[in-house]
Amino acid sequence: MKNNLAVEPGSSAKNKTGNWRTFVPVIDHDKCIACGTCARVCPEGCVFAVGDQALQGKIFYEKDLDYCKGCGICAEECPVKCIEMKLEEK
């Protein structure tokens, strides 16, 4: 008997998982030092760099809320505490 309980490998990129989160990260771009820690520690890989230092003078980070689960690791690990976890309004 075959039970289809497991999904195929790599399927998390295909499934939007952010719809069940309670808290959402809010980034204060004025305080951000563009160190990239948030992107490195995000278990879902949904924090990414925006901008080009050579062209715009500043790189900053954004999050893809379709995949963010609201775990708060990015906020906890940020060295300048520019990410705050706030209750999401739905």
PDB file of N, CA and C in Angstrom:
ATOM      1  N   MET A   1       0.845  -1.181   0.000  1.00  0.00           N
ATOM      2  CA  MET A   1       0.000   0.000   0.000  1.00  0.00           C
ATOM      3  C   MET A   1       0.887   1.239   0.000  1.00  0.00           C
ATOM      4  N   LYS A   2       0.623   2.136  -0.892  1.00  0.00           N
ATOM      5  CA  LYS A   2       1.427   3.346  -1.007  1.00  0.00           C
ATOM      6  C   LYS A   2       0.652   4.544  -0.447  1.00  0.00           C
ATOM      7  N   ASN A   3       1.256   5.216   0.529  1.00  0.00           N
ATOM      8  CA  ASN A   3       0.678   6.443   1.085  1.00  0.00           C
ATOM      9  C   ASN A   3       1.447   7.629   0.527  1.00  0.00           C
ATOM     10  N   ASN A   4       0.775   8.581   0.000  1.00  0.00           N
ATOM     11  CA  ASN A   4       1.421   9.766  -0.561  1.00  0.00           C
ATOM     12  C   ASN A   4       1.540  10.854   0.504  1.00  0.00           C
ATOM     13  N   LEU A   5       2.286  10.545   1.544  1.00  0.00           N
ATOM     14  CA  LEU A   5       2.433  11.490   2.644  1.00  0.00           C
ATOM     15  C   LEU A   5       3.590  12.453   2.441  1.00  0.00           C
ATOM     16  N   ALA A   6       4.649  11.999   1.803  1.00  0.00           N
ATOM     17  CA  ALA A   6       5.819  12.852   1.601  1.00  0.00           C
ATOM     18  C   ALA A   6       5.728  13.535   0.246  1.00  0.00           C
ATOM     19  N   VAL A   7       6.208  14.750   0.195  1.00  0.00           N
ATOM     20  CA  VAL A   7       6.260  15.467  -1.078  1.00  0.00           C
ATOM     21  C   VAL A   7       7.635  15.282  -1.689  1.00  0.00           C
ATOM     22  N   GLU A   8       7.754  15.583  -2.930  1.00  0.00           N
ATOM     23  CA  GLU A   8       9.035  15.408  -3.605  1.00  0.00           C
ATOM     24  C   GLU A   8      10.071  16.393  -3.077  1.00  0.00           C
ATOM     25  N   PRO A   9      11.344  16.052  -3.156  1.00  0.00           N
ATOM     26  CA  PRO A   9      12.402  16.952  -2.679  1.00  0.00           C
ATOM     27  C   PRO A   9      12.360  18.296  -3.403  1.00  0.00           C
ATOM     28  N   GLY A  10      12.649  19.348  -2.652  1.00  0.00           N
ATOM     29  CA  GLY A  10      12.705  20.685  -3.238  1.00  0.00           C
ATOM     30  C   GLY A  10      11.354  21.334  -3.435  1.00  0.00           C
ATOM     31  N   SER A  11      10.314  20.759  -2.897  1.00  0.00           N
ATOM     32  CA  SER A  11       8.980  21.287  -3.149  1.00  0.00           C
ATOM     33  C   SER A  11       8.674  22.558  -2.373  1.00  0.00           C
ATOM     34  N   SER A  12       9.469  22.905  -1.358  1.00  0.00           N
ATOM     35  CA  SER A  12       9.170  24.108  -0.578  1.00  0.00           C
ATOM     36  C   SER A  12       9.300  25.369  -1.417  1.00  0.00           C
ATOM     37  N   ALA A  13      10.133  25.346  -2.450  1.00  0.00           N
ATOM     38  CA  ALA A  13      10.251  26.502  -3.330  1.00  0.00           C
ATOM     39  C   ALA A  13       8.995  26.685  -4.173  1.00  0.00           C
ATOM     40  N   LYS A  14       8.242  25.605  -4.363  1.00  0.00           N
ATOM     41  CA  LYS A  14       7.023  25.665  -5.165  1.00  0.00           C
ATOM     42  C   LYS A  14       5.799  26.068  -4.334  1.00  0.00           C
ATOM     43  N   ASN A  15       5.878  25.870  -3.024  1.00  0.00           N
ATOM     44  CA  ASN A  15       4.723  26.117  -2.162  1.00  0.00           C
ATOM     45  C   ASN A  15       4.917  27.375  -1.339  1.00  0.00           C
ATOM     46  N   LYS A  16       3.984  28.288  -1.464  1.00  0.00           N
ATOM     47  CA  LYS A  16       4.047  29.503  -0.660  1.00  0.00           C
ATOM     48  C   LYS A  16       3.658  29.145   0.772  1.00  0.00           C
ATOM     49  N   THR A  17       4.569  29.412   1.708  1.00  0.00           N
ATOM     50  CA  THR A  17       4.386  28.957   3.084  1.00  0.00           C
ATOM     51  C   THR A  17       4.127  30.100   4.070  1.00  0.00           C
ATOM     52  N   GLY A  18       4.077  31.333   3.590  1.00  0.00           N
ATOM     53  CA  GLY A  18       3.944  32.466   4.490  1.00  0.00           C
ATOM     54  C   GLY A  18       2.547  32.739   4.987  1.00  0.00           C
ATOM     55  N   ASN A  19       1.559  32.007   4.522  1.00  0.00           N
ATOM     56  CA  ASN A  19       0.184  32.335   4.893  1.00  0.00           C
ATOM     57  C   ASN A  19      -0.192  31.929   6.314  1.00  0.00           C
ATOM     58  N   TRP A  20       0.640  31.181   7.021  1.00  0.00           N
ATOM     59  CA  TRP A  20       0.294  30.768   8.380  1.00  0.00           C
ATOM     60  C   TRP A  20       1.119  31.468   9.448  1.00  0.00           C
ATOM     61  N   ARG A  21       1.938  32.441   9.058  1.00  0.00           N
ATOM     62  CA  ARG A  21       2.775  33.123  10.051  1.00  0.00           C
ATOM     63  C   ARG A  21       1.932  34.074  10.900  1.00  0.00           C
ATOM     64  N   THR A  22       2.427  34.364  12.101  1.00  0.00           N
ATOM     65  CA  THR A  22       1.774  35.297  13.016  1.00  0.00           C
ATOM     66  C   THR A  22       2.524  36.622  13.069  1.00  0.00           C
ATOM     67  N   PHE A  23       3.860  36.552  13.027  1.00  0.00           N
ATOM     68  CA  PHE A  23       4.688  37.745  13.081  1.00  0.00           C
ATOM     69  C   PHE A  23       5.398  37.940  11.754  1.00  0.00           C
ATOM     70  N   VAL A  24       5.638  39.191  11.425  1.00  0.00           N
ATOM     71  CA  VAL A  24       6.301  39.543  10.169  1.00  0.00           C
ATOM     72  C   VAL A  24       7.502  40.445  10.483  1.00  0.00           C
ATOM     73  N   PRO A  25       8.635  40.236   9.808  1.00  0.00           N
ATOM     74  CA  PRO A  25       9.788  41.100  10.052  1.00  0.00           C
ATOM     75  C   PRO A  25       9.613  42.451   9.359  1.00  0.00           C
ATOM     76  N   VAL A  26       9.918  43.506  10.089  1.00  0.00           N
ATOM     77  CA  VAL A  26       9.890  44.855   9.535  1.00  0.00           C
ATOM     78  C   VAL A  26      11.311  45.399   9.637  1.00  0.00           C
ATOM     79  N   ILE A  27      11.869  45.787   8.499  1.00  0.00           N
ATOM     80  CA  ILE A  27      13.265  46.224   8.431  1.00  0.00           C
ATOM     81  C   ILE A  27      13.336  47.738   8.410  1.00  0.00           C
ATOM     82  N   ASP A  28      14.125  48.308   9.317  1.00  0.00           N
ATOM     83  CA  ASP A  28      14.399  49.756   9.335  1.00  0.00           C
ATOM     84  C   ASP A  28      15.622  49.988   8.450  1.00  0.00           C
ATOM     85  N   HIS A  29      15.381  50.414   7.209  1.00  0.00           N
ATOM     86  CA  HIS A  29      16.463  50.568   6.239  1.00  0.00           C
ATOM     87  C   HIS A  29      17.439  51.678   6.615  1.00  0.00           C
ATOM     88  N   ASP A  30      17.021  52.628   7.431  1.00  0.00           N
ATOM     89  CA  ASP A  30      17.925  53.696   7.868  1.00  0.00           C
ATOM     90  C   ASP A  30      18.982  53.170   8.836  1.00  0.00           C
ATOM     91  N   LYS A  31      18.641  52.165   9.629  1.00  0.00           N
ATOM     92  CA  LYS A  31      19.587  51.583  10.587  1.00  0.00           C
ATOM     93  C   LYS A  31      20.413  50.448   9.995  1.00  0.00           C
ATOM     94  N   CYS A  32      19.938  49.857   8.894  1.00  0.00           N
ATOM     95  CA  CYS A  32      20.584  48.692   8.290  1.00  0.00           C
ATOM     96  C   CYS A  32      21.986  49.045   7.798  1.00  0.00           C
ATOM     97  N   ILE A  33      22.959  48.185   8.115  1.00  0.00           N
ATOM     98  CA  ILE A  33      24.339  48.401   7.670  1.00  0.00           C
ATOM     99  C   ILE A  33      24.689  47.482   6.491  1.00  0.00           C
ATOM    100  N   ALA A  34      23.704  46.799   5.941  1.00  0.00           N
ATOM    101  CA  ALA A  34      23.859  45.932   4.765  1.00  0.00           C
ATOM    102  C   ALA A  34      24.936  44.865   4.962  1.00  0.00           C
ATOM    103  N   CYS A  35      24.950  44.259   6.142  1.00  0.00           N
ATOM    104  CA  CYS A  35      25.957  43.231   6.427  1.00  0.00           C
ATOM    105  C   CYS A  35      25.581  41.878   5.833  1.00  0.00           C
ATOM    106  N   GLY A  36      24.297  41.661   5.557  1.00  0.00           N
ATOM    107  CA  GLY A  36      23.851  40.416   4.953  1.00  0.00           C
ATOM    108  C   GLY A  36      23.589  39.285   5.923  1.00  0.00           C
ATOM    109  N   THR A  37      23.691  39.546   7.220  1.00  0.00           N
ATOM    110  CA  THR A  37      23.461  38.506   8.213  1.00  0.00           C
ATOM    111  C   THR A  37      22.051  37.937   8.096  1.00  0.00           C
ATOM    112  N   CYS A  38      21.066  38.797   7.905  1.00  0.00           N
ATOM    113  CA  CYS A  38      19.678  38.337   7.817  1.00  0.00           C
ATOM    114  C   CYS A  38      19.491  37.353   6.661  1.00  0.00           C
ATOM    115  N   ALA A  39      20.101  37.641   5.531  1.00  0.00           N
ATOM    116  CA  ALA A  39      19.985  36.756   4.369  1.00  0.00           C
ATOM    117  C   ALA A  39      20.691  35.426   4.618  1.00  0.00           C
ATOM    118  N   ARG A  40      21.817  35.468   5.312  1.00  0.00           N
ATOM    119  CA  ARG A  40      22.566  34.236   5.572  1.00  0.00           C
ATOM    120  C   ARG A  40      21.866  33.319   6.560  1.00  0.00           C
ATOM    121  N   VAL A  41      21.163  33.879   7.547  1.00  0.00           N
ATOM    122  CA  VAL A  41      20.569  33.044   8.596  1.00  0.00           C
ATOM    123  C   VAL A  41      19.125  32.652   8.315  1.00  0.00           C
ATOM    124  N   CYS A  42      18.489  33.225   7.328  1.00  0.00           N
ATOM    125  CA  CYS A  42      17.090  32.905   7.033  1.00  0.00           C
ATOM    126  C   CYS A  42      16.982  31.450   6.566  1.00  0.00           C
ATOM    127  N   PRO A  43      16.260  30.615   7.303  1.00  0.00           N
ATOM    128  CA  PRO A  43      16.160  29.200   6.926  1.00  0.00           C
ATOM    129  C   PRO A  43      15.350  28.973   5.650  1.00  0.00           C
ATOM    130  N   GLU A  44      14.541  29.924   5.267  1.00  0.00           N
ATOM    131  CA  GLU A  44      13.731  29.784   4.060  1.00  0.00           C
ATOM    132  C   GLU A  44      14.345  30.485   2.852  1.00  0.00           C
ATOM    133  N   GLY A  45      15.419  31.241   3.070  1.00  0.00           N
ATOM    134  CA  GLY A  45      16.060  31.931   1.954  1.00  0.00           C
ATOM    135  C   GLY A  45      15.194  33.015   1.354  1.00  0.00           C
ATOM    136  N   CYS A  46      14.366  33.634   2.165  1.00  0.00           N
ATOM    137  CA  CYS A  46      13.445  34.638   1.615  1.00  0.00           C
ATOM    138  C   CYS A  46      13.878  36.072   1.892  1.00  0.00           C
ATOM    139  N   VAL A  47      15.095  36.273   2.389  1.00  0.00           N
ATOM    140  CA  VAL A  47      15.647  37.616   2.550  1.00  0.00           C
ATOM    141  C   VAL A  47      16.689  37.795   1.452  1.00  0.00           C
ATOM    142  N   PHE A  48      16.611  38.905   0.738  1.00  0.00           N
ATOM    143  CA  PHE A  48      17.485  39.099  -0.407  1.00  0.00           C
ATOM    144  C   PHE A  48      17.932  40.557  -0.521  1.00  0.00           C
ATOM    145  N   ALA A  49      19.077  40.759  -1.154  1.00  0.00           N
ATOM    146  CA  ALA A  49      19.646  42.096  -1.337  1.00  0.00           C
ATOM    147  C   ALA A  49      18.937  42.815  -2.481  1.00  0.00           C
ATOM    148  N   VAL A  50      18.745  44.122  -2.295  1.00  0.00           N
ATOM    149  CA  VAL A  50      18.159  44.983  -3.310  1.00  0.00           C
ATOM    150  C   VAL A  50      19.097  46.174  -3.464  1.00  0.00           C
ATOM    151  N   GLY A  51      19.300  46.599  -4.678  1.00  0.00           N
ATOM    152  CA  GLY A  51      20.150  47.752  -4.914  1.00  0.00           C
ATOM    153  C   GLY A  51      21.552  47.342  -5.314  1.00  0.00           C
ATOM    154  N   ASP A  52      22.323  48.326  -5.711  1.00  0.00           N
ATOM    155  CA  ASP A  52      23.692  48.103  -6.151  1.00  0.00           C
ATOM    156  C   ASP A  52      24.547  49.212  -5.570  1.00  0.00           C
ATOM    157  N   GLN A  53      25.505  48.831  -4.755  1.00  0.00           N
ATOM    158  CA  GLN A  53      26.330  49.818  -4.079  1.00  0.00           C
ATOM    159  C   GLN A  53      27.047  50.729  -5.076  1.00  0.00           C
ATOM    160  N   ALA A  54      27.477  50.176  -6.203  1.00  0.00           N
ATOM    161  CA  ALA A  54      28.193  50.972  -7.193  1.00  0.00           C
ATOM    162  C   ALA A  54      27.286  52.016  -7.853  1.00  0.00           C
ATOM    163  N   LEU A  55      26.028  51.679  -8.055  1.00  0.00           N
ATOM    164  CA  LEU A  55      25.124  52.589  -8.752  1.00  0.00           C
ATOM    165  C   LEU A  55      24.325  53.481  -7.817  1.00  0.00           C
ATOM    166  N   GLN A  56      23.767  52.903  -6.765  1.00  0.00           N
ATOM    167  CA  GLN A  56      22.872  53.659  -5.895  1.00  0.00           C
ATOM    168  C   GLN A  56      23.513  54.059  -4.580  1.00  0.00           C
ATOM    169  N   GLY A  57      24.679  53.537  -4.308  1.00  0.00           N
ATOM    170  CA  GLY A  57      25.364  53.904  -3.076  1.00  0.00           C
ATOM    171  C   GLY A  57      24.943  53.119  -1.855  1.00  0.00           C
ATOM    172  N   LYS A  58      23.886  52.307  -1.948  1.00  0.00           N
ATOM    173  CA  LYS A  58      23.425  51.559  -0.779  1.00  0.00           C
ATOM    174  C   LYS A  58      22.764  50.264  -1.213  1.00  0.00           C
ATOM    175  N   ILE A  59      23.129  49.212  -0.548  1.00  0.00           N
ATOM    176  CA  ILE A  59      22.441  47.935  -0.689  1.00  0.00           C
ATOM    177  C   ILE A  59      21.573  47.781   0.543  1.00  0.00           C
ATOM    178  N   PHE A  60      20.347  47.325   0.370  1.00  0.00           N
ATOM    179  CA  PHE A  60      19.511  47.041   1.519  1.00  0.00           C
ATOM    180  C   PHE A  60      18.825  45.711   1.296  1.00  0.00           C
ATOM    181  N   TYR A  61      18.166  45.225   2.310  1.00  0.00           N
ATOM    182  CA  TYR A  61      17.583  43.890   2.265  1.00  0.00           C
ATOM    183  C   TYR A  61      16.075  43.963   2.392  1.00  0.00           C
ATOM    184  N   GLU A  62      15.410  43.085   1.660  1.00  0.00           N
ATOM    185  CA  GLU A  62      13.960  42.941   1.709  1.00  0.00           C
ATOM    186  C   GLU A  62      13.636  41.474   1.949  1.00  0.00           C
ATOM    187  N   LYS A  63      12.364  41.187   2.185  1.00  0.00           N
ATOM    188  CA  LYS A  63      11.939  39.816   2.433  1.00  0.00           C
ATOM    189  C   LYS A  63      10.790  39.470   1.496  1.00  0.00           C
ATOM    190  N   ASP A  64      10.700  38.201   1.149  1.00  0.00           N
ATOM    191  CA  ASP A  64       9.621  37.691   0.318  1.00  0.00           C
ATOM    192  C   ASP A  64       8.591  37.083   1.261  1.00  0.00           C
ATOM    193  N   LEU A  65       7.521  37.810   1.501  1.00  0.00           N
ATOM    194  CA  LEU A  65       6.529  37.380   2.484  1.00  0.00           C
ATOM    195  C   LEU A  65       5.712  36.179   2.017  1.00  0.00           C
ATOM    196  N   ASP A  66       5.818  35.810   0.748  1.00  0.00           N
ATOM    197  CA  ASP A  66       5.149  34.595   0.292  1.00  0.00           C
ATOM    198  C   ASP A  66       5.749  33.363   0.954  1.00  0.00           C
ATOM    199  N   TYR A  67       7.028  33.449   1.339  1.00  0.00           N
ATOM    200  CA  TYR A  67       7.728  32.293   1.910  1.00  0.00           C
ATOM    201  C   TYR A  67       8.173  32.495   3.353  1.00  0.00           C
ATOM    202  N   CYS A  68       8.143  33.718   3.856  1.00  0.00           N
ATOM    203  CA  CYS A  68       8.567  34.003   5.233  1.00  0.00           C
ATOM    204  C   CYS A  68       7.581  33.366   6.213  1.00  0.00           C
ATOM    205  N   LYS A  69       8.122  32.588   7.150  1.00  0.00           N
ATOM    206  CA  LYS A  69       7.284  31.924   8.146  1.00  0.00           C
ATOM    207  C   LYS A  69       7.228  32.700   9.464  1.00  0.00           C
ATOM    208  N   GLY A  70       7.925  33.833   9.532  1.00  0.00           N
ATOM    209  CA  GLY A  70       7.866  34.653  10.729  1.00  0.00           C
ATOM    210  C   GLY A  70       8.622  34.084  11.912  1.00  0.00           C
ATOM    211  N   CYS A  71       9.680  33.327  11.655  1.00  0.00           N
ATOM    212  CA  CYS A  71      10.413  32.665  12.742  1.00  0.00           C
ATOM    213  C   CYS A  71      11.201  33.651  13.609  1.00  0.00           C
ATOM    214  N   GLY A  72      11.616  34.794  13.049  1.00  0.00           N
ATOM    215  CA  GLY A  72      12.318  35.807  13.825  1.00  0.00           C
ATOM    216  C   GLY A  72      13.823  35.614  13.930  1.00  0.00           C
ATOM    217  N   ILE A  73      14.375  34.627  13.248  1.00  0.00           N
ATOM    218  CA  ILE A  73      15.819  34.411  13.314  1.00  0.00           C
ATOM    219  C   ILE A  73      16.562  35.620  12.751  1.00  0.00           C
ATOM    220  N   CYS A  74      16.054  36.213  11.692  1.00  0.00           N
ATOM    221  CA  CYS A  74      16.713  37.387  11.102  1.00  0.00           C
ATOM    222  C   CYS A  74      16.785  38.526  12.115  1.00  0.00           C
ATOM    223  N   ALA A  75      15.695  38.767  12.834  1.00  0.00           N
ATOM    224  CA  ALA A  75      15.663  39.836  13.832  1.00  0.00           C
ATOM    225  C   ALA A  75      16.587  39.538  15.005  1.00  0.00           C
ATOM    226  N   GLU A  76      16.620  38.288  15.416  1.00  0.00           N
ATOM    227  CA  GLU A  76      17.456  37.889  16.555  1.00  0.00           C
ATOM    228  C   GLU A  76      18.938  38.025  16.229  1.00  0.00           C
ATOM    229  N   GLU A  77      19.326  37.696  15.018  1.00  0.00           N
ATOM    230  CA  GLU A  77      20.740  37.689  14.641  1.00  0.00           C
ATOM    231  C   GLU A  77      21.249  39.014  14.090  1.00  0.00           C
ATOM    232  N   CYS A  78      20.385  39.960  13.794  1.00  0.00           N
ATOM    233  CA  CYS A  78      20.816  41.249  13.243  1.00  0.00           C
ATOM    234  C   CYS A  78      21.726  41.969  14.239  1.00  0.00           C
ATOM    235  N   PRO A  79      22.957  42.310  13.842  1.00  0.00           N
ATOM    236  CA  PRO A  79      23.894  42.929  14.784  1.00  0.00           C
ATOM    237  C   PRO A  79      23.507  44.348  15.204  1.00  0.00           C
ATOM    238  N   VAL A  80      22.725  45.053  14.396  1.00  0.00           N
ATOM    239  CA  VAL A  80      22.323  46.417  14.756  1.00  0.00           C
ATOM    240  C   VAL A  80      20.851  46.514  15.130  1.00  0.00           C
ATOM    241  N   LYS A  81      20.184  45.355  15.203  1.00  0.00           N
ATOM    242  CA  LYS A  81      18.776  45.264  15.620  1.00  0.00           C
ATOM    243  C   LYS A  81      17.868  46.185  14.802  1.00  0.00           C
ATOM    244  N   CYS A  82      18.039  46.150  13.474  1.00  0.00           N
ATOM    245  CA  CYS A  82      17.193  46.966  12.607  1.00  0.00           C
ATOM    246  C   CYS A  82      15.965  46.204  12.119  1.00  0.00           C
ATOM    247  N   ILE A  83      15.794  44.967  12.555  1.00  0.00           N
ATOM    248  CA  ILE A  83      14.637  44.169  12.167  1.00  0.00           C
ATOM    249  C   ILE A  83      13.796  43.919  13.413  1.00  0.00           C
ATOM    250  N   GLU A  84      12.539  44.277  13.312  1.00  0.00           N
ATOM    251  CA  GLU A  84      11.617  44.089  14.420  1.00  0.00           C
ATOM    252  C   GLU A  84      10.501  43.154  13.967  1.00  0.00           C
ATOM    253  N   MET A  85      10.155  42.194  14.800  1.00  0.00           N
ATOM    254  CA  MET A  85       9.054  41.293  14.493  1.00  0.00           C
ATOM    255  C   MET A  85       7.768  41.919  15.016  1.00  0.00           C
ATOM    256  N   LYS A  86       6.825  42.145  14.103  1.00  0.00           N
ATOM    257  CA  LYS A  86       5.562  42.759  14.473  1.00  0.00           C
ATOM    258  C   LYS A  86       4.417  41.811  14.153  1.00  0.00           C
ATOM    259  N   LEU A  87       3.374  41.895  14.956  1.00  0.00           N
ATOM    260  CA  LEU A  87       2.192  41.089  14.743  1.00  0.00           C
ATOM    261  C   LEU A  87       1.605  41.442  13.387  1.00  0.00           C
ATOM    262  N   GLU A  88       1.375  40.441  12.566  1.00  0.00           N
ATOM    263  CA  GLU A  88       0.874  40.694  11.222  1.00  0.00           C
ATOM    264  C   GLU A  88      -0.626  40.928  11.253  1.00  0.00           C
ATOM    265  N   GLU A  89      -1.058  41.951  10.550  1.00  0.00           N
ATOM    266  CA  GLU A  89      -2.481  42.233  10.418  1.00  0.00           C
ATOM    267  C   GLU A  89      -2.966  41.536   9.167  1.00  0.00           C
ATOM    268  N   LYS A  90      -3.958  40.702   9.318  1.00  0.00           N
ATOM    269  CA  LYS A  90      -4.470  39.959   8.148  1.00  0.00           C
ATOM    270  C   LYS A  90      -5.847  40.408   7.795  1.00  0.00           C
TER     271      LYS A  90
END
